[in-house]
Protein backbone atom coordinates (compact mmCIF):
# COMPACT_ATOMS: atom_id res chain seq x y z
CA GLN A 1 1.80 11.84 16.79
CA VAL A 2 0.40 10.06 13.91
CA GLN A 3 3.04 8.45 11.57
CA LEU A 4 2.68 6.09 8.54
CA VAL A 5 6.18 5.14 7.21
CA GLU A 6 6.50 3.30 3.98
CA SER A 7 9.56 1.41 3.18
CA GLY A 8 10.67 -1.33 0.60
CA GLY A 9 10.50 0.68 -2.62
CA GLY A 10 13.04 0.47 -5.11
CA LEU A 11 14.10 -0.62 -8.70
CA VAL A 12 13.26 -4.03 -9.94
CA GLN A 13 13.23 -5.62 -13.48
CA PRO A 14 10.11 -6.58 -15.03
CA GLY A 15 8.83 -9.88 -13.68
CA GLY A 16 10.51 -9.08 -10.20
CA SER A 17 8.96 -8.83 -7.08
CA LEU A 18 9.01 -6.26 -3.95
CA ARG A 19 7.41 -6.03 -0.63
CA LEU A 20 6.24 -2.80 0.64
CA SER A 21 5.80 -2.32 4.31
CA CYS A 22 4.10 0.55 6.26
CA ALA A 23 4.49 1.02 9.79
CA ALA A 24 2.00 2.96 11.62
CA SER A 25 2.06 4.49 14.98
CA GLY A 26 0.09 7.36 16.98
CA PHE A 27 -3.49 5.88 16.48
CA SER A 28 -5.41 2.85 17.14
CA PHE A 29 -4.35 0.72 13.98
CA ARG A 30 -7.08 -2.00 14.52
CA ASN A 31 -9.82 0.48 13.92
CA TYR A 32 -8.27 1.51 10.46
CA ALA A 33 -8.81 0.01 7.02
CA MET A 34 -5.56 0.22 5.36
CA SER A 35 -4.83 0.94 1.72
CA TRP A 36 -2.01 1.35 -0.71
CA TYR A 37 -2.36 3.94 -3.51
CA ARG A 38 -0.03 4.83 -6.20
CA GLN A 39 0.64 7.68 -8.50
CA ALA A 40 2.72 7.63 -11.64
CA PRO A 41 3.92 10.82 -13.20
CA GLY A 42 1.37 13.06 -14.83
CA LYS A 43 -1.42 10.53 -13.51
CA GLU A 44 -3.96 10.76 -10.71
CA ARG A 45 -3.40 8.84 -7.47
CA GLU A 46 -5.39 5.49 -7.85
CA LEU A 47 -6.34 2.87 -5.26
CA VAL A 48 -4.09 -0.08 -5.54
CA ALA A 49 -5.18 -2.69 -2.74
CA ARG A 50 -7.26 -2.21 0.36
CA ILE A 51 -7.77 -4.36 3.47
CA SER A 52 -10.57 -3.81 6.11
CA SER A 53 -10.10 -3.24 9.76
CA ILE A 54 -12.25 -6.13 10.57
CA GLY A 55 -12.08 -9.35 8.99
CA GLY A 56 -9.00 -8.77 6.68
CA ILE A 57 -11.30 -8.29 3.76
CA THR A 58 -9.28 -7.23 0.49
CA ASN A 59 -9.94 -5.44 -2.64
CA PHE A 60 -7.69 -4.66 -5.58
CA ALA A 61 -7.52 -2.79 -8.65
CA ASN A 62 -8.15 -4.63 -11.76
CA SER A 63 -4.85 -3.92 -12.81
CA VAL A 64 -3.13 -5.65 -10.12
CA LYS A 65 -5.27 -8.61 -9.24
CA GLY A 66 -3.65 -11.91 -9.21
CA ARG A 67 -0.24 -10.26 -8.81
CA PHE A 68 -0.42 -8.39 -5.65
CA THR A 69 -1.31 -9.20 -1.95
CA ILE A 70 -2.26 -6.99 0.78
CA SER A 71 -1.93 -8.10 4.39
CA ARG A 72 -1.68 -6.56 7.99
CA ASP A 73 -0.20 -7.41 11.13
CA ASN A 74 -2.40 -5.85 13.77
CA ALA A 75 0.29 -6.92 16.51
CA MET A 76 3.08 -4.95 14.76
CA ASN A 77 0.67 -2.21 13.51
CA THR A 78 1.96 -2.76 10.00
CA VAL A 79 0.38 -3.22 6.67
CA TYR A 80 2.19 -5.05 3.68
CA LEU A 81 1.98 -5.00 -0.01
CA GLU A 82 3.49 -7.93 -1.73
CA MET A 83 4.07 -7.12 -5.56
CA ASN A 84 4.81 -9.94 -7.88
CA SER A 85 5.28 -10.20 -11.70
CA LEU A 86 5.86 -6.47 -11.83
CA LYS A 87 5.57 -4.32 -15.12
CA PRO A 88 6.84 -1.09 -16.02
CA GLU A 89 3.36 0.31 -15.75
CA ASP A 90 3.44 -0.35 -12.03
CA THR A 91 6.16 2.37 -11.81
CA ALA A 92 4.75 4.81 -9.49
CA VAL A 93 5.18 6.66 -5.78
CA TYR A 94 3.31 4.07 -3.78
CA TYR A 95 1.30 5.64 -0.75
CA CYS A 96 -0.06 4.11 2.48
CA CYS A 97 -3.33 5.29 3.80
CA ALA A 98 -5.36 4.78 7.00
CA THR A 99 -8.93 5.15 7.12
CA PHE A 100 -10.88 5.26 10.28
CA MET A 101 -13.68 2.73 10.12
CA TYR A 102 -16.23 5.07 12.02
CA ASN A 103 -15.86 8.39 10.05
CA GLY A 104 -13.69 7.90 6.95
CA ALA A 105 -10.83 10.28 8.11
CA ASN A 106 -7.55 9.38 6.58
CA TYR A 107 -3.97 9.47 7.31
CA TRP A 108 -1.47 9.27 4.74
CA GLY A 109 2.29 8.37 4.27
CA GLN A 110 5.02 10.19 2.59
CA GLY A 111 5.30 7.52 -0.13
CA THR A 112 7.88 5.28 -1.37
CA GLN A 113 9.06 5.07 -5.15
CA VAL A 114 8.85 1.71 -7.10
CA THR A 115 10.44 1.72 -10.65
CA VAL A 116 10.06 -1.25 -12.86
CA SER A 117 12.67 -1.08 -15.43
CA SER A 118 15.12 -3.25 -17.34
């Protein structure tokens, strides 16, 4: 059974940091690119960061470049999103997504809420 379980969300003040984790099971993690998306109320889901299955190549949305870092641990089947200098506009539900490198099939997690507010 495929599972993506996000954790690490919560309430943080502007300028603060959070580290999200996504634990994967039920599929060959190393064959999947891993991404973090987010969806704020009333807005479409958007790609935040992505890390490739091979080589660890990363991509980021312009809005988070220089503030967020994505990494993966293939031994632990886990992907991380380190978020620094958080802003109120980063408030959203953050979703983990696994994309199969051969056919683009996706698995999604249930999401974790991140709220940036004073």
